[in-house]
């Protein structure tokens, strides 16, 4: 995962990185209480019980409303730590670290890591290279992993781009070979996969109602205890509040936005951490927020980044060709574009009633 834990601990950046705010009721209801330890073994009251863990360069909170609470939350916490151990870019014992420092040699990894890299290659192909896990050295060069921001010169970016393109990675079973000079980071997929794994852990322990907030990635297990949909606040890219409310059950809601992590250069320009793999520079294709709603966290995570990078026209084209998920795009000219499956579940807040909303169908 990305480094730079100190960045997340700073309150200003933590606020900026709050892609989605969680609501358990209507409007601006408060979020479920978070505790650092499990309070009850079996939760039959419907009162939320939570754990919070710092991993993958963000805070992750798991809140459950039923099931064998103590066992479920303990196993969820163990799973977060296990996956962090596999995919950290800084832990010398992690599989990603070993791949990044193998100097072109083959490394035998777990089936989970090999499958995730293969999935990343699949998404690289489907998105015309908009998602590339080999961008890590360029992200680091911009300072987004350390907070020591700078604008790299053209020569530096050109040189670093020569060692990107994750389609060049060889995956043969559990044997993975990165070209010499290439480094990867699974951060663009890791939280989504973690959400999928945690959801299954909770369900295996009798949980039918839970919410996961993985650094802004929201994953709902089932519905609210009373059977109604969860109400998720969609972060406004124009301010610190929410632009709309989305009602979902048993779905992932994952957003990528230019306001998550950024800096203002000496030239007065804003530079965000979502880079275009083709240029090595912040993606600027008219999208300032891309939200994907679907059943698989891994796919939603990959697509939220990809759609941001691709821009409106290509994003809509990809949605129509793939199907199986819904999408919300917010453009830099003040429009909100939603897929037709969301027209009855998305409600704009009054202060943003001026935003022009467009509903698109699966036919051009």
Protein backbone atom coordinates (compact mmCIF):
# COMPACT_ATOMS: atom_id res chain seq x y z
CA UNK A 1 0.00 0.00 0.00
CA UNK A 2 1.03 3.63 -0.23
CA UNK A 3 3.39 4.97 2.40
CA UNK A 4 3.15 8.28 4.24
CA UNK A 5 1.07 7.37 7.31
CA UNK A 6 1.90 10.73 8.80
CA UNK A 7 -0.13 12.40 6.04
CA UNK A 8 -3.30 10.62 7.02
CA UNK A 9 -2.82 11.48 10.66
CA UNK A 10 -2.98 15.18 9.91
CA UNK A 11 -6.51 16.33 10.42
CA UNK A 12 -6.66 18.60 7.40
CA UNK A 13 -5.75 15.82 5.01
CA UNK A 14 -7.98 13.37 6.81
CA UNK A 15 -10.89 15.70 6.14
CA UNK A 16 -9.91 16.11 2.50
CA UNK A 17 -9.63 12.36 2.13
CA UNK A 18 -13.11 11.72 3.45
CA UNK A 19 -14.52 10.66 0.11
CA UNK A 20 -17.76 9.41 1.62
CA UNK A 21 -19.44 10.18 4.92
CA UNK A 22 -21.54 7.43 6.46
CA UNK A 23 -25.11 7.99 7.60
CA UNK A 24 -27.28 5.59 9.58
CA UNK A 25 -30.39 7.73 9.15
CA UNK A 26 -31.65 10.58 7.02
CA UNK A 27 -29.94 13.90 6.35
CA UNK A 28 -26.88 14.55 8.49
CA UNK A 29 -27.32 11.89 11.19
CA UNK A 30 -24.20 10.99 13.12
CA UNK A 31 -22.02 8.01 12.30
CA UNK A 32 -22.01 4.82 14.39
CA UNK A 33 -19.86 4.95 17.49
CA UNK A 34 -16.36 3.52 17.11
CA UNK A 35 -14.51 1.66 19.84
CA UNK A 36 -11.00 0.24 19.85
CA UNK A 37 -12.10 -3.08 21.29
CA UNK A 38 -14.99 -5.46 20.87
CA UNK A 39 -17.66 -4.92 23.50
CA UNK A 40 -19.88 -7.98 23.24
CA UNK A 41 -19.66 -11.59 22.14
CA UNK A 42 -23.14 -11.90 20.68
CA UNK A 43 -24.96 -8.78 19.61
CA UNK A 44 -28.71 -9.26 19.72
CA UNK A 45 -29.68 -5.70 20.57
CA UNK A 46 -29.03 -4.17 17.17
CA UNK A 47 -26.69 -1.62 18.76
CA UNK A 48 -23.57 -1.07 16.63
CA UNK A 49 -20.27 -2.55 17.80
CA UNK A 50 -17.09 -1.49 16.04
CA UNK A 51 -13.36 -1.84 15.65
CA UNK A 52 -10.98 0.64 14.02
CA UNK A 53 -7.60 -0.22 12.52
CA UNK A 54 -4.96 1.87 10.74
CA UNK A 55 -3.80 -0.09 7.71
CA UNK A 56 -3.08 0.41 4.01
CA UNK A 57 -2.33 4.06 4.71
CA UNK A 58 -5.81 4.82 6.04
CA UNK A 59 -8.21 4.24 8.91
CA UNK A 60 -10.55 1.29 8.54
CA UNK A 61 -13.69 0.92 10.62
CA UNK A 62 -15.88 -2.17 10.76
CA UNK A 63 -19.30 -1.75 12.40
CA UNK A 64 -21.67 -4.69 12.92
CA UNK A 65 -25.24 -4.79 14.17
CA UNK A 66 -25.86 -8.51 14.70
CA UNK A 67 -24.22 -11.95 14.65
CA UNK A 68 -21.39 -13.28 16.80
CA UNK A 69 -19.93 -9.82 17.28
CA UNK A 70 -16.74 -10.57 19.17
CA UNK A 71 -15.63 -13.39 16.89
CA UNK A 72 -16.64 -11.54 13.73
CA UNK A 73 -14.81 -8.34 14.63
CA UNK A 74 -11.72 -10.13 15.90
CA UNK A 75 -11.46 -12.13 12.69
CA UNK A 76 -12.07 -9.00 10.64
CA UNK A 77 -9.23 -7.22 12.43
CA UNK A 78 -6.95 -10.21 11.85
CA UNK A 79 -7.82 -10.20 8.16
CA UNK A 80 -7.00 -6.50 7.78
CA UNK A 81 -3.57 -7.08 9.32
CA UNK A 82 -2.95 -10.18 7.21
CA UNK A 83 -3.69 -8.43 3.92
CA UNK A 84 -1.62 -5.39 4.94
CA UNK A 85 1.26 -7.78 5.61
CA UNK A 86 0.91 -9.24 2.11
CA UNK A 87 0.74 -5.99 0.14
CA UNK A 88 2.63 -3.28 2.02
CA UNK A 89 5.22 -1.49 -0.13
CA UNK A 90 7.38 -0.71 2.91
CA UNK A 91 7.33 -3.95 4.92
CA UNK A 92 10.40 -5.93 3.86
CA UNK A 93 8.54 -9.17 4.56
CA UNK A 94 5.58 -8.37 2.30
CA UNK A 95 5.15 -10.02 -1.06
CA UNK A 96 4.85 -6.70 -2.88
CA UNK A 97 8.09 -5.45 -1.32
CA UNK A 98 9.89 -8.61 -2.42
CA UNK A 99 8.56 -8.21 -5.96
CA UNK A 100 9.59 -4.57 -6.08
CA UNK A 101 13.12 -5.39 -5.00
CA UNK A 102 13.64 -8.58 -7.03
CA UNK A 103 15.54 -6.79 -9.83
CA UNK A 104 13.75 -8.74 -12.53
CA UNK A 105 13.96 -12.12 -10.80
CA UNK A 106 10.91 -14.35 -10.39
CA UNK A 107 9.22 -14.36 -6.96
CA UNK A 108 6.80 -17.01 -5.75
CA UNK A 109 3.86 -15.34 -4.04
CA UNK A 110 0.53 -16.39 -2.55
CA UNK A 111 -2.35 -17.21 -4.87
CA UNK A 112 -4.13 -14.08 -3.53
CA UNK A 113 -1.34 -11.79 -4.66
CA UNK A 114 -0.87 -13.52 -8.01
CA UNK A 115 -4.62 -13.38 -8.72
CA UNK A 116 -4.80 -9.69 -7.77
CA UNK A 117 -1.92 -8.81 -10.08
CA UNK A 118 -3.58 -10.79 -12.87
CA UNK A 119 -6.83 -8.91 -12.19
CA UNK A 120 -4.94 -5.61 -12.36
CA UNK A 121 -3.59 -6.62 -15.76
CA UNK A 122 -7.12 -7.49 -16.88
CA UNK A 123 -8.38 -4.07 -15.79
CA UNK A 124 -5.39 -2.39 -17.46
CA UNK A 125 -6.55 -3.97 -20.71
CA UNK A 126 -10.26 -3.22 -20.26
CA UNK A 127 -9.65 0.43 -19.34
CA UNK A 128 -7.12 1.10 -22.10
CA UNK A 129 -4.35 1.50 -19.56
CA UNK A 130 -6.22 3.88 -17.25
CA UNK A 131 -5.46 1.66 -14.24
CA UNK A 132 -1.79 0.78 -13.92
CA UNK A 133 -0.36 -0.66 -10.69
CA UNK A 134 3.19 0.10 -11.90
CA UNK A 135 2.82 3.88 -11.45
CA UNK A 136 4.11 3.75 -7.87
CA UNK A 137 7.58 5.30 -8.56
CA UNK A 138 5.95 8.26 -10.33
CA UNK A 139 3.42 8.76 -7.52
CA UNK A 140 6.37 8.76 -5.12
CA UNK A 141 8.30 11.24 -7.31
CA UNK A 142 5.42 13.71 -6.97
CA UNK A 143 5.68 13.31 -3.18
CA UNK A 144 2.23 11.82 -2.65
CA UNK A 145 3.66 8.96 -0.60
CA UNK A 146 5.70 11.16 1.75
CA UNK A 147 4.09 14.60 1.77
CA UNK A 148 7.26 16.14 0.36
CA UNK A 149 5.47 17.49 -2.69
CA UNK A 150 7.20 18.62 -5.85
CA UNK A 151 6.48 18.96 -9.56
CA UNK A 152 8.81 16.59 -11.45
CA UNK A 153 10.43 17.87 -14.61
CA UNK A 154 9.59 16.38 -18.00
CA UNK A 155 12.85 14.44 -18.25
CA UNK A 156 12.26 12.71 -14.92
CA UNK A 157 8.70 11.70 -15.78
CA UNK A 158 9.73 10.46 -19.23
CA UNK A 159 12.45 8.29 -17.69
CA UNK A 160 10.10 6.85 -15.05
CA UNK A 161 7.37 6.11 -17.61
CA UNK A 162 9.76 3.71 -19.37
CA UNK A 163 9.40 1.33 -16.41
CA UNK A 164 5.59 1.32 -16.31
CA UNK A 165 2.92 -0.77 -18.08
CA UNK A 166 1.78 -3.63 -15.85
CA UNK A 167 0.90 -5.76 -18.90
CA UNK A 168 4.64 -6.51 -19.04
CA UNK A 169 4.45 -8.39 -15.73
CA UNK A 170 4.56 -12.17 -16.09
CA UNK A 171 2.18 -14.20 -13.91
CA UNK A 172 2.59 -17.97 -14.13
CA UNK A 173 0.55 -19.60 -11.40
CA UNK A 174 2.07 -18.19 -8.23
CA UNK A 175 5.33 -17.21 -9.90
CA UNK A 176 5.44 -13.50 -10.69
CA UNK A 177 8.16 -11.63 -12.57
CA UNK A 178 8.37 -7.84 -12.78
CA UNK A 179 10.62 -6.37 -15.47
CA UNK A 180 13.83 -5.00 -13.97
CA UNK A 181 13.26 -1.42 -12.85
CA UNK A 182 9.50 -1.79 -12.37
CA UNK A 183 7.77 -1.36 -8.99
CA UNK A 184 4.12 -1.94 -8.20
CA UNK A 185 1.64 -0.83 -5.57
CA UNK A 186 -1.71 -2.56 -5.11
CA UNK A 187 -3.22 0.41 -3.29
CA UNK A 188 -5.71 1.12 -6.09
CA UNK A 189 -7.24 -2.33 -5.49
CA UNK A 190 -6.29 -3.28 -1.94
CA UNK A 191 -9.10 -1.57 -0.04
CA UNK A 192 -11.69 -2.98 -2.41
CA UNK A 193 -10.37 -6.51 -1.99
CA UNK A 194 -10.19 -6.00 1.76
CA UNK A 195 -13.85 -4.99 1.76
CA UNK A 196 -14.79 -8.16 -0.10
CA UNK A 197 -12.79 -10.33 2.29
CA UNK A 198 -14.14 -8.63 5.42
CA UNK A 199 -17.72 -8.91 4.18
CA UNK A 200 -17.28 -12.64 3.77
CA UNK A 201 -15.66 -12.97 7.21
CA UNK A 202 -18.61 -11.19 8.80
CA UNK A 203 -21.18 -13.27 6.93
CA UNK A 204 -19.36 -16.46 7.95
CA UNK A 205 -19.90 -15.38 11.56
CA UNK A 206 -23.62 -14.77 11.31
CA UNK A 207 -23.53 -11.03 10.52
CA UNK A 208 -26.36 -9.89 8.26
CA UNK A 209 -26.17 -6.14 8.94
CA UNK A 210 -22.85 -4.26 8.91
CA UNK A 211 -21.03 -1.31 7.42
CA UNK A 212 -17.38 -1.07 6.48
CA UNK A 213 -15.67 2.31 6.08
CA UNK A 214 -12.25 1.59 4.61
CA UNK A 215 -10.75 5.02 4.26
CA UNK A 216 -13.84 6.29 2.47
CA UNK A 217 -14.57 3.06 0.61
CA UNK A 218 -18.02 2.10 1.92
CA UNK A 219 -19.15 -1.51 1.81
CA UNK A 220 -22.58 -2.48 3.13
CA UNK A 221 -23.34 -5.99 4.34
CA UNK A 222 -27.08 -6.47 3.98
CA UNK A 223 -29.36 -3.64 5.01
CA UNK A 224 -29.93 -1.66 8.19
CA UNK A 225 -31.21 -3.67 11.18
CA UNK A 226 -34.77 -2.53 10.45
CA UNK A 227 -34.52 -3.81 6.87
CA UNK A 228 -34.25 -0.40 5.20
CA UNK A 229 -31.43 0.79 2.98
CA UNK A 230 -28.29 2.40 4.32
CA UNK A 231 -28.02 6.08 3.52
CA UNK A 232 -24.57 7.09 2.32
CA UNK A 233 -23.46 10.69 1.93
CA UNK A 234 -21.68 11.43 -1.35
CA UNK A 235 -18.84 13.88 -0.71
CA UNK A 236 -19.03 17.12 -2.62
CA UNK A 237 -15.92 17.95 -4.67
CA UNK A 238 -16.94 21.61 -4.37
CA UNK A 239 -16.87 21.84 -0.56
CA UNK A 240 -16.52 19.94 2.73
CA UNK A 241 -20.14 18.81 2.93
CA UNK A 242 -22.14 16.22 0.99
CA UNK A 243 -23.64 16.80 -2.40
CA UNK A 244 -26.19 13.98 -2.29
CA UNK A 245 -27.55 10.99 -0.37
CA UNK A 246 -27.41 7.49 -1.83
CA UNK A 247 -29.56 4.61 -0.54
CA UNK A 248 -28.07 1.12 -0.89
CA UNK A 249 -28.14 -2.37 0.59
CA UNK A 250 -25.48 -5.07 0.23
CA UNK A 251 -23.41 -2.90 -2.12
CA UNK A 252 -20.05 -1.16 -2.33
CA UNK A 253 -19.87 2.60 -2.82
CA UNK A 254 -16.36 3.63 -3.82
CA UNK A 255 -15.25 7.10 -4.91
CA UNK A 256 -12.09 8.54 -6.43
CA UNK A 257 -11.79 12.32 -6.30
CA UNK A 258 -9.21 14.95 -7.01
CA UNK A 259 -9.85 16.45 -3.56
CA UNK A 260 -8.67 13.31 -1.72
CA UNK A 261 -4.95 14.07 -1.74
CA UNK A 262 -3.46 17.07 -3.46
CA UNK A 263 -1.14 20.06 -3.17
CA UNK A 264 -0.97 23.53 -4.66
CA UNK A 265 2.28 24.19 -6.48
CA UNK A 266 4.28 27.39 -6.55
CA UNK A 267 2.65 28.04 -9.91
CA UNK A 268 -0.75 28.22 -8.19
CA UNK A 269 -2.00 25.04 -9.89
CA UNK A 270 -3.63 22.20 -7.95
CA UNK A 271 -2.02 18.79 -8.42
CA UNK A 272 -3.86 15.66 -7.23
CA UNK A 273 -2.63 12.16 -6.63
CA UNK A 274 -4.65 10.38 -9.34
CA UNK A 275 -2.22 10.24 -12.23
CA UNK A 276 -2.82 9.49 -15.89
CA UNK A 277 -0.62 6.47 -16.69
CA UNK A 278 -0.04 7.80 -20.20
CA UNK A 279 1.44 11.14 -19.04
CA UNK A 280 2.63 10.53 -15.48
CA UNK A 281 0.81 13.71 -14.48
CA UNK A 282 -2.48 14.36 -12.64
CA UNK A 283 -5.39 13.17 -14.76
CA UNK A 284 -7.37 16.10 -16.16
CA UNK A 285 -10.12 14.83 -18.41
CA UNK A 286 -13.09 16.76 -17.02
CA UNK A 287 -13.98 14.42 -14.14
CA UNK A 288 -13.42 15.61 -10.56
CA UNK A 289 -15.23 12.76 -8.80
CA UNK A 290 -16.08 9.23 -9.91
CA UNK A 291 -18.21 6.90 -7.77
CA UNK A 292 -18.85 3.25 -8.58
CA UNK A 293 -21.65 1.25 -6.95
CA UNK A 294 -21.64 -2.53 -7.27
CA UNK A 295 -21.42 -5.90 -5.58
CA UNK A 296 -17.63 -6.46 -5.80
CA UNK A 297 -15.32 -4.10 -3.95
CA UNK A 298 -12.30 -5.09 -6.01
CA UNK A 299 -14.00 -4.14 -9.26
CA UNK A 300 -15.52 -0.93 -7.86
CA UNK A 301 -12.13 0.17 -6.54
CA UNK A 302 -10.47 -0.42 -9.89
CA UNK A 303 -13.21 1.31 -11.85
CA UNK A 304 -13.46 4.41 -9.66
CA UNK A 305 -9.84 5.26 -10.46
CA UNK A 306 -10.17 4.24 -14.10
CA UNK A 307 -13.30 6.31 -14.75
CA UNK A 308 -11.68 9.37 -13.16
CA UNK A 309 -8.72 9.03 -15.49
CA UNK A 310 -10.70 8.17 -18.63
CA UNK A 311 -13.04 11.14 -18.67
CA UNK A 312 -16.78 11.28 -19.33
CA UNK A 313 -17.05 9.94 -22.86
CA UNK A 314 -14.83 6.90 -22.39
CA UNK A 315 -16.24 6.20 -18.91
CA UNK A 316 -19.80 6.08 -20.22
CA UNK A 317 -18.69 3.90 -23.12
CA UNK A 318 -16.98 1.46 -20.74
CA UNK A 319 -20.04 1.33 -18.47
CA UNK A 320 -22.27 0.50 -21.42
CA UNK A 321 -19.91 -2.22 -22.63
CA UNK A 322 -19.28 -3.85 -19.23
CA UNK A 323 -22.53 -3.42 -17.29
CA UNK A 324 -23.03 -4.93 -13.84
CA UNK A 325 -22.44 -1.72 -11.86
CA UNK A 326 -23.75 1.82 -11.47
CA UNK A 327 -21.78 5.03 -11.71
CA UNK A 328 -21.85 8.69 -10.67
CA UNK A 329 -19.57 11.18 -12.39
CA UNK A 330 -19.19 14.79 -11.30
CA UNK A 331 -17.61 17.03 -13.90
CA UNK A 332 -15.50 20.14 -13.60
CA UNK A 333 -18.22 22.14 -15.36
CA UNK A 334 -20.71 21.41 -12.56
CA UNK A 335 -22.72 18.44 -13.83
CA UNK A 336 -23.66 15.19 -12.06
CA UNK A 337 -24.08 12.21 -14.36
CA UNK A 338 -25.70 9.06 -12.98
CA UNK A 339 -26.58 5.72 -14.51
CA UNK A 340 -30.27 4.87 -14.77
CA UNK A 341 -30.16 2.30 -11.96
CA UNK A 342 -29.62 5.11 -9.43
CA UNK A 343 -32.39 7.51 -10.40
CA UNK A 344 -34.66 6.35 -7.53
CA UNK A 345 -31.93 5.99 -4.90
CA UNK A 346 -29.94 9.24 -5.23
CA UNK A 347 -31.24 12.45 -3.63
CA UNK A 348 -29.46 15.78 -4.09
CA UNK A 349 -29.19 18.02 -1.04
CA UNK A 350 -30.94 21.39 -1.29
CA UNK A 351 -27.76 23.47 -1.26
CA UNK A 352 -26.68 21.70 -4.45
CA UNK A 353 -30.01 21.87 -6.26
CA UNK A 354 -28.35 24.09 -8.85
CA UNK A 355 -26.21 21.17 -10.05
CA UNK A 356 -27.42 19.88 -13.40
CA UNK A 357 -28.14 16.15 -13.15
CA UNK A 358 -28.18 13.81 -16.12
CA UNK A 359 -29.38 10.19 -16.19
CA UNK A 360 -27.81 7.95 -18.81
CA UNK A 361 -29.16 4.65 -20.10
CA UNK A 362 -27.30 1.57 -21.27
CA UNK A 363 -28.02 2.55 -24.86
CA UNK A 364 -26.21 5.37 -26.63
